[in-house]
């Protein structure tokens, strides 16, 4: 059974409505991967010379390709989703505080002392995920 990126986006929406941190973190993961997978396909169609490698380097690679093209605004939306996804997947609790985390560098500390995603974070990330998805789909 195949899965299309829109299904991942919609699953993220469903998970974000849940009450647990696990659901919220998984929602962010699904929003990012919906956008990443669509971006890889659409970028290969839109930009001559771009080809996914099929490995972990594709995450930075597709953003780099978009950033250096007329689709820079898409890269600017995809990058914070990637940073949030990294935090959601790898920065699980205080035991992970020593691990470099771009999300924490930009969001935790100062006024924010929690590694958890707030309702406002989820709302903002949902909005970015949908805006990014729409722009990628129309490339």
N, C-alpha and C. Protein backbone atom coordinates (compact mmCIF):
# COMPACT_ATOMS: atom_id res chain seq x y z
N UNK A 1 0.84 -1.16 0.00
CA UNK A 1 0.00 0.00 0.00
C UNK A 1 0.89 1.24 0.00
N UNK A 2 0.64 2.14 -0.94
CA UNK A 2 1.45 3.34 -1.00
C UNK A 2 0.82 4.46 -0.18
N UNK A 3 1.66 5.42 0.15
CA UNK A 3 1.23 6.58 0.93
C UNK A 3 1.60 7.82 0.13
N UNK A 4 0.72 8.79 0.12
CA UNK A 4 1.02 10.05 -0.56
C UNK A 4 1.29 11.12 0.51
N UNK A 5 2.12 12.12 0.18
CA UNK A 5 2.47 13.13 1.17
C UNK A 5 1.28 13.81 1.84
N UNK A 6 0.20 14.05 1.11
CA UNK A 6 -0.96 14.71 1.72
C UNK A 6 -1.50 13.89 2.89
N UNK A 7 -1.44 12.57 2.80
CA UNK A 7 -1.90 11.73 3.90
C UNK A 7 -1.05 11.93 5.16
N UNK A 8 0.24 12.13 4.96
CA UNK A 8 1.12 12.40 6.10
C UNK A 8 0.77 13.74 6.74
N UNK A 9 0.50 14.74 5.90
CA UNK A 9 0.11 16.06 6.40
C UNK A 9 -1.17 15.96 7.22
N UNK A 10 -2.15 15.25 6.71
CA UNK A 10 -3.43 15.10 7.40
C UNK A 10 -3.29 14.26 8.68
N UNK A 11 -2.43 13.26 8.66
CA UNK A 11 -2.17 12.48 9.87
C UNK A 11 -1.55 13.38 10.94
N UNK A 12 -0.65 14.26 10.53
CA UNK A 12 -0.07 15.21 11.47
C UNK A 12 -1.14 16.07 12.12
N UNK A 13 -2.11 16.53 11.32
CA UNK A 13 -3.20 17.32 11.88
C UNK A 13 -3.98 16.54 12.92
N UNK A 14 -4.27 15.29 12.63
CA UNK A 14 -5.01 14.44 13.58
C UNK A 14 -4.23 14.23 14.86
N UNK A 15 -2.94 13.96 14.73
CA UNK A 15 -2.11 13.71 15.90
C UNK A 15 -1.96 14.98 16.76
N UNK A 16 -1.88 16.13 16.11
CA UNK A 16 -1.72 17.39 16.85
C UNK A 16 -2.92 17.68 17.74
N UNK A 17 -4.07 17.12 17.40
CA UNK A 17 -5.28 17.32 18.21
C UNK A 17 -5.25 16.48 19.49
N UNK A 18 -4.31 15.57 19.59
CA UNK A 18 -4.22 14.71 20.78
C UNK A 18 -3.70 15.47 21.99
N UNK A 19 -3.67 14.77 23.10
CA UNK A 19 -3.29 15.38 24.37
C UNK A 19 -1.85 15.09 24.80
N UNK A 20 -1.20 14.13 24.17
CA UNK A 20 0.11 13.71 24.68
C UNK A 20 1.27 14.33 23.89
N UNK A 21 2.39 14.44 24.59
CA UNK A 21 3.61 14.94 23.95
C UNK A 21 4.03 14.02 22.80
N UNK A 22 3.80 12.72 22.94
CA UNK A 22 4.15 11.78 21.88
C UNK A 22 3.34 12.08 20.62
N UNK A 23 2.06 12.34 20.78
CA UNK A 23 1.23 12.69 19.62
C UNK A 23 1.70 14.00 18.99
N UNK A 24 2.02 14.97 19.80
CA UNK A 24 2.46 16.26 19.28
C UNK A 24 3.79 16.14 18.54
N UNK A 25 4.72 15.41 19.11
CA UNK A 25 6.02 15.22 18.46
C UNK A 25 5.87 14.41 17.17
N UNK A 26 5.01 13.42 17.17
CA UNK A 26 4.80 12.64 15.96
C UNK A 26 4.08 13.46 14.89
N UNK A 27 3.21 14.36 15.29
CA UNK A 27 2.55 15.26 14.35
C UNK A 27 3.58 16.11 13.62
N UNK A 28 4.53 16.65 14.36
CA UNK A 28 5.58 17.48 13.76
C UNK A 28 6.41 16.66 12.79
N UNK A 29 6.72 15.44 13.16
CA UNK A 29 7.45 14.53 12.28
C UNK A 29 6.68 14.32 10.98
N UNK A 30 5.40 14.05 11.08
CA UNK A 30 4.58 13.79 9.88
C UNK A 30 4.46 15.04 9.01
N UNK A 31 4.30 16.22 9.64
CA UNK A 31 4.22 17.46 8.85
C UNK A 31 5.51 17.68 8.08
N UNK A 32 6.64 17.47 8.75
CA UNK A 32 7.92 17.66 8.07
C UNK A 32 8.07 16.67 6.92
N UNK A 33 7.82 15.38 7.18
CA UNK A 33 8.05 14.39 6.13
C UNK A 33 7.06 14.52 4.98
N UNK A 34 5.86 15.00 5.23
CA UNK A 34 4.93 15.28 4.13
C UNK A 34 5.57 16.31 3.20
N UNK A 35 6.10 17.35 3.78
CA UNK A 35 6.72 18.42 3.00
C UNK A 35 8.04 17.99 2.37
N UNK A 36 8.86 17.30 3.13
CA UNK A 36 10.15 16.85 2.60
C UNK A 36 9.96 15.92 1.40
N UNK A 37 9.09 14.94 1.55
CA UNK A 37 8.90 13.98 0.45
C UNK A 37 8.33 14.66 -0.80
N UNK A 38 7.38 15.55 -0.61
CA UNK A 38 6.83 16.28 -1.76
C UNK A 38 7.90 17.19 -2.36
N UNK A 39 8.70 17.82 -1.53
CA UNK A 39 9.74 18.72 -2.03
C UNK A 39 10.78 17.98 -2.86
N UNK A 40 11.16 16.80 -2.45
CA UNK A 40 12.14 16.01 -3.21
C UNK A 40 11.60 15.73 -4.62
N UNK A 41 10.36 15.32 -4.72
CA UNK A 41 9.76 15.00 -6.02
C UNK A 41 9.60 16.26 -6.87
N UNK A 42 9.02 17.30 -6.28
CA UNK A 42 8.74 18.52 -7.04
C UNK A 42 10.02 19.27 -7.42
N UNK A 43 11.01 19.24 -6.57
CA UNK A 43 12.27 19.91 -6.88
C UNK A 43 12.97 19.21 -8.03
N UNK A 44 12.93 17.90 -8.06
CA UNK A 44 13.53 17.16 -9.18
C UNK A 44 12.85 17.51 -10.50
N UNK A 45 11.56 17.78 -10.46
CA UNK A 45 10.83 18.17 -11.67
C UNK A 45 11.12 19.62 -12.07
N UNK A 46 11.24 20.50 -11.07
CA UNK A 46 11.33 21.93 -11.35
C UNK A 46 12.75 22.45 -11.58
N UNK A 47 13.73 21.80 -10.98
CA UNK A 47 15.10 22.30 -11.07
C UNK A 47 15.99 21.31 -11.81
N UNK A 48 16.44 21.74 -12.94
CA UNK A 48 17.36 20.92 -13.74
C UNK A 48 18.63 20.68 -12.93
N UNK A 49 19.05 19.47 -12.87
CA UNK A 49 20.28 19.14 -12.17
C UNK A 49 20.09 18.63 -10.74
N UNK A 50 18.91 18.86 -10.16
CA UNK A 50 18.69 18.34 -8.81
C UNK A 50 18.26 16.89 -8.90
N UNK A 51 18.91 16.06 -8.11
CA UNK A 51 18.52 14.65 -8.02
C UNK A 51 18.74 14.20 -6.58
N UNK A 52 17.71 13.63 -6.00
CA UNK A 52 17.83 13.10 -4.65
C UNK A 52 18.78 11.91 -4.66
N UNK A 53 19.50 11.74 -3.56
CA UNK A 53 20.43 10.62 -3.44
C UNK A 53 19.80 9.42 -2.77
N UNK A 54 18.67 9.62 -2.10
CA UNK A 54 18.01 8.52 -1.42
C UNK A 54 18.63 8.20 -0.08
N UNK A 55 19.30 9.19 0.53
CA UNK A 55 19.87 8.97 1.85
C UNK A 55 19.65 10.22 2.71
N UNK A 56 20.23 10.24 3.87
CA UNK A 56 20.02 11.33 4.81
C UNK A 56 20.46 12.70 4.30
N UNK A 57 21.35 12.73 3.33
CA UNK A 57 21.81 14.01 2.79
C UNK A 57 20.72 14.74 2.01
N UNK A 58 19.66 14.05 1.67
CA UNK A 58 18.56 14.68 0.93
C UNK A 58 17.86 15.77 1.76
N UNK A 59 17.90 15.66 3.07
CA UNK A 59 17.22 16.65 3.91
C UNK A 59 17.84 18.04 3.69
N UNK A 60 19.15 18.12 3.84
CA UNK A 60 19.83 19.39 3.60
C UNK A 60 19.90 19.69 2.10
N UNK A 61 20.04 18.66 1.30
CA UNK A 61 20.21 18.84 -0.15
C UNK A 61 19.03 19.50 -0.82
N UNK A 62 17.82 19.08 -0.49
CA UNK A 62 16.66 19.68 -1.13
C UNK A 62 16.48 21.13 -0.65
N UNK A 63 16.75 21.39 0.61
CA UNK A 63 16.65 22.76 1.12
C UNK A 63 17.70 23.64 0.44
N UNK A 64 18.91 23.13 0.30
CA UNK A 64 19.98 23.88 -0.37
C UNK A 64 19.62 24.18 -1.82
N UNK A 65 19.08 23.20 -2.51
CA UNK A 65 18.68 23.40 -3.92
C UNK A 65 17.58 24.45 -4.02
N UNK A 66 16.60 24.38 -3.14
CA UNK A 66 15.52 25.36 -3.15
C UNK A 66 16.03 26.76 -2.79
N UNK A 67 16.91 26.83 -1.81
CA UNK A 67 17.43 28.12 -1.35
C UNK A 67 18.19 28.84 -2.46
N UNK A 68 18.86 28.09 -3.33
CA UNK A 68 19.65 28.71 -4.40
C UNK A 68 18.88 28.82 -5.71
N UNK A 69 17.56 28.82 -5.62
CA UNK A 69 16.72 28.91 -6.81
C UNK A 69 15.64 29.97 -6.61
N UNK A 70 14.75 30.05 -7.57
CA UNK A 70 13.62 30.98 -7.44
C UNK A 70 12.62 30.51 -6.38
N UNK A 71 12.84 29.33 -5.81
CA UNK A 71 11.95 28.77 -4.78
C UNK A 71 12.51 28.96 -3.37
N UNK A 72 13.30 30.00 -3.17
CA UNK A 72 13.92 30.27 -1.87
C UNK A 72 12.88 30.37 -0.75
N UNK A 73 11.72 30.93 -1.06
CA UNK A 73 10.69 31.08 -0.02
C UNK A 73 10.22 29.73 0.51
N UNK A 74 10.26 28.71 -0.32
CA UNK A 74 9.89 27.37 0.13
C UNK A 74 10.95 26.83 1.09
N UNK A 75 12.22 27.06 0.75
CA UNK A 75 13.30 26.62 1.64
C UNK A 75 13.17 27.29 3.00
N UNK A 76 12.76 28.55 3.01
CA UNK A 76 12.61 29.30 4.26
C UNK A 76 11.48 28.75 5.11
N UNK A 77 10.52 28.07 4.51
CA UNK A 77 9.44 27.43 5.27
C UNK A 77 9.84 26.01 5.69
N UNK A 78 10.55 25.31 4.82
CA UNK A 78 10.91 23.92 5.10
C UNK A 78 11.96 23.81 6.20
N UNK A 79 12.89 24.75 6.25
CA UNK A 79 13.98 24.68 7.24
C UNK A 79 13.47 24.67 8.68
N UNK A 80 12.57 25.57 9.10
CA UNK A 80 12.10 25.48 10.49
C UNK A 80 11.31 24.21 10.79
N UNK A 81 10.64 23.66 9.79
CA UNK A 81 9.97 22.37 9.99
C UNK A 81 11.00 21.28 10.25
N UNK A 82 12.11 21.34 9.51
CA UNK A 82 13.18 20.36 9.71
C UNK A 82 13.77 20.50 11.11
N UNK A 83 14.00 21.73 11.55
CA UNK A 83 14.56 21.95 12.89
C UNK A 83 13.60 21.45 13.98
N UNK A 84 12.32 21.74 13.82
CA UNK A 84 11.33 21.26 14.79
C UNK A 84 11.25 19.75 14.79
N UNK A 85 11.33 19.14 13.61
CA UNK A 85 11.30 17.68 13.51
C UNK A 85 12.50 17.06 14.22
N UNK A 86 13.66 17.65 14.07
CA UNK A 86 14.84 17.15 14.75
C UNK A 86 14.67 17.19 16.26
N UNK A 87 14.12 18.29 16.75
CA UNK A 87 13.86 18.40 18.20
C UNK A 87 12.83 17.37 18.63
N UNK A 88 11.76 17.25 17.86
CA UNK A 88 10.68 16.32 18.20
C UNK A 88 11.17 14.88 18.26
N UNK A 89 12.07 14.52 17.37
CA UNK A 89 12.51 13.13 17.28
C UNK A 89 13.70 12.79 18.18
N UNK A 90 14.57 13.75 18.44
CA UNK A 90 15.83 13.43 19.11
C UNK A 90 16.03 14.09 20.47
N UNK A 91 15.34 15.16 20.74
CA UNK A 91 15.54 15.89 21.99
C UNK A 91 14.35 15.61 22.91
N UNK A 92 14.35 14.42 23.45
CA UNK A 92 13.16 13.92 24.13
C UNK A 92 13.01 14.37 25.58
N UNK A 93 14.11 14.52 26.29
CA UNK A 93 14.00 14.91 27.70
C UNK A 93 15.29 15.56 28.15
N UNK A 94 15.36 15.87 29.41
CA UNK A 94 16.52 16.58 29.95
C UNK A 94 17.83 15.82 29.74
N UNK A 95 17.77 14.50 29.60
CA UNK A 95 18.97 13.72 29.38
C UNK A 95 19.62 14.07 28.05
N UNK A 96 18.86 14.67 27.14
CA UNK A 96 19.37 15.04 25.82
C UNK A 96 19.83 16.49 25.75
N UNK A 97 19.89 17.18 26.88
CA UNK A 97 20.20 18.61 26.87
C UNK A 97 21.54 18.94 26.25
N UNK A 98 22.52 18.05 26.31
CA UNK A 98 23.84 18.33 25.74
C UNK A 98 23.91 18.16 24.24
N UNK A 99 22.88 17.62 23.63
CA UNK A 99 22.87 17.39 22.18
C UNK A 99 22.55 18.70 21.48
N UNK A 100 23.38 19.11 20.50
CA UNK A 100 23.07 20.33 19.76
C UNK A 100 21.70 20.23 19.10
N UNK A 101 20.94 21.30 19.22
CA UNK A 101 19.57 21.29 18.70
C UNK A 101 19.23 22.68 18.19
N UNK A 102 19.01 22.82 16.89
CA UNK A 102 18.70 24.13 16.32
C UNK A 102 17.39 24.69 16.86
N UNK A 103 16.41 23.81 17.12
CA UNK A 103 15.14 24.29 17.67
C UNK A 103 15.38 24.93 19.03
N UNK A 104 16.12 24.25 19.89
CA UNK A 104 16.40 24.79 21.22
C UNK A 104 17.19 26.09 21.13
N UNK A 105 18.14 26.17 20.21
CA UNK A 105 18.94 27.38 20.07
C UNK A 105 18.05 28.58 19.77
N UNK A 106 16.99 28.36 19.02
CA UNK A 106 16.12 29.45 18.64
C UNK A 106 14.89 29.63 19.51
N UNK A 107 14.55 28.62 20.33
CA UNK A 107 13.28 28.67 21.03
C UNK A 107 13.32 28.40 22.53
N UNK A 108 14.26 27.61 22.99
CA UNK A 108 14.30 27.27 24.42
C UNK A 108 15.39 28.10 25.09
N UNK A 109 15.16 28.50 26.29
CA UNK A 109 16.08 29.38 27.00
C UNK A 109 15.44 30.76 27.08
N UNK A 110 16.07 31.63 27.82
CA UNK A 110 15.47 32.95 27.98
C UNK A 110 14.11 32.81 28.62
N UNK A 111 13.07 33.15 27.89
CA UNK A 111 11.71 33.07 28.43
C UNK A 111 11.16 31.65 28.40
N UNK A 112 11.70 30.80 27.52
CA UNK A 112 11.21 29.43 27.37
C UNK A 112 12.15 28.48 28.09
N UNK A 113 11.65 27.78 29.06
CA UNK A 113 12.50 26.85 29.81
C UNK A 113 12.14 25.40 29.55
N UNK A 114 11.14 25.13 28.75
CA UNK A 114 10.69 23.76 28.52
C UNK A 114 11.14 23.26 27.16
N UNK A 115 11.44 21.97 27.09
CA UNK A 115 11.76 21.35 25.82
C UNK A 115 10.51 20.87 25.10
N UNK A 116 9.36 20.98 25.73
CA UNK A 116 8.11 20.54 25.12
C UNK A 116 7.57 21.60 24.15
N UNK A 117 6.77 21.15 23.22
CA UNK A 117 6.11 22.04 22.28
C UNK A 117 4.83 22.58 22.93
N UNK A 118 4.63 23.87 22.84
CA UNK A 118 3.42 24.48 23.39
C UNK A 118 2.30 24.41 22.36
N UNK A 119 1.09 24.72 22.78
CA UNK A 119 -0.04 24.79 21.85
C UNK A 119 0.24 25.83 20.77
N UNK A 120 0.86 26.94 21.15
CA UNK A 120 1.20 27.98 20.18
C UNK A 120 2.23 27.47 19.17
N UNK A 121 3.21 26.69 19.66
CA UNK A 121 4.19 26.08 18.74
C UNK A 121 3.49 25.20 17.72
N UNK A 122 2.59 24.34 18.22
CA UNK A 122 1.88 23.42 17.32
C UNK A 122 1.05 24.18 16.29
N UNK A 123 0.34 25.20 16.73
CA UNK A 123 -0.47 26.00 15.81
C UNK A 123 0.41 26.64 14.74
N UNK A 124 1.53 27.21 15.16
CA UNK A 124 2.43 27.87 14.21
C UNK A 124 3.04 26.86 13.25
N UNK A 125 3.47 25.71 13.76
CA UNK A 125 4.06 24.69 12.90
C UNK A 125 3.04 24.11 11.93
N UNK A 126 1.82 23.92 12.38
CA UNK A 126 0.75 23.44 11.49
C UNK A 126 0.55 24.43 10.34
N UNK A 127 0.49 25.71 10.67
CA UNK A 127 0.30 26.73 9.64
C UNK A 127 1.46 26.75 8.65
N UNK A 128 2.68 26.65 9.14
CA UNK A 128 3.85 26.62 8.27
C UNK A 128 3.82 25.37 7.39
N UNK A 129 3.48 24.23 7.99
CA UNK A 129 3.44 22.97 7.23
C UNK A 129 2.44 23.06 6.08
N UNK A 130 1.28 23.61 6.33
CA UNK A 130 0.27 23.70 5.28
C UNK A 130 0.64 24.73 4.22
N UNK A 131 1.21 25.84 4.64
CA UNK A 131 1.64 26.87 3.68
C UNK A 131 2.76 26.33 2.80
N UNK A 132 3.72 25.66 3.42
CA UNK A 132 4.84 25.07 2.70
C UNK A 132 4.34 24.02 1.71
N UNK A 133 3.45 23.15 2.17
CA UNK A 133 2.93 22.08 1.33
C UNK A 133 2.24 22.66 0.09
N UNK A 134 1.46 23.67 0.29
CA UNK A 134 0.75 24.31 -0.82
C UNK A 134 1.72 24.90 -1.83
N UNK A 135 2.75 25.55 -1.34
CA UNK A 135 3.73 26.16 -2.25
C UNK A 135 4.53 25.10 -2.99
N UNK A 136 4.91 24.03 -2.30
CA UNK A 136 5.65 22.94 -2.96
C UNK A 136 4.78 22.31 -4.04
N UNK A 137 3.53 22.07 -3.72
CA UNK A 137 2.61 21.41 -4.68
C UNK A 137 2.44 22.26 -5.94
N UNK A 138 2.58 23.58 -5.82
CA UNK A 138 2.37 24.44 -6.99
C UNK A 138 3.65 24.79 -7.72
N UNK A 139 4.76 24.14 -7.39
CA UNK A 139 6.03 24.42 -8.08
C UNK A 139 5.93 24.08 -9.56
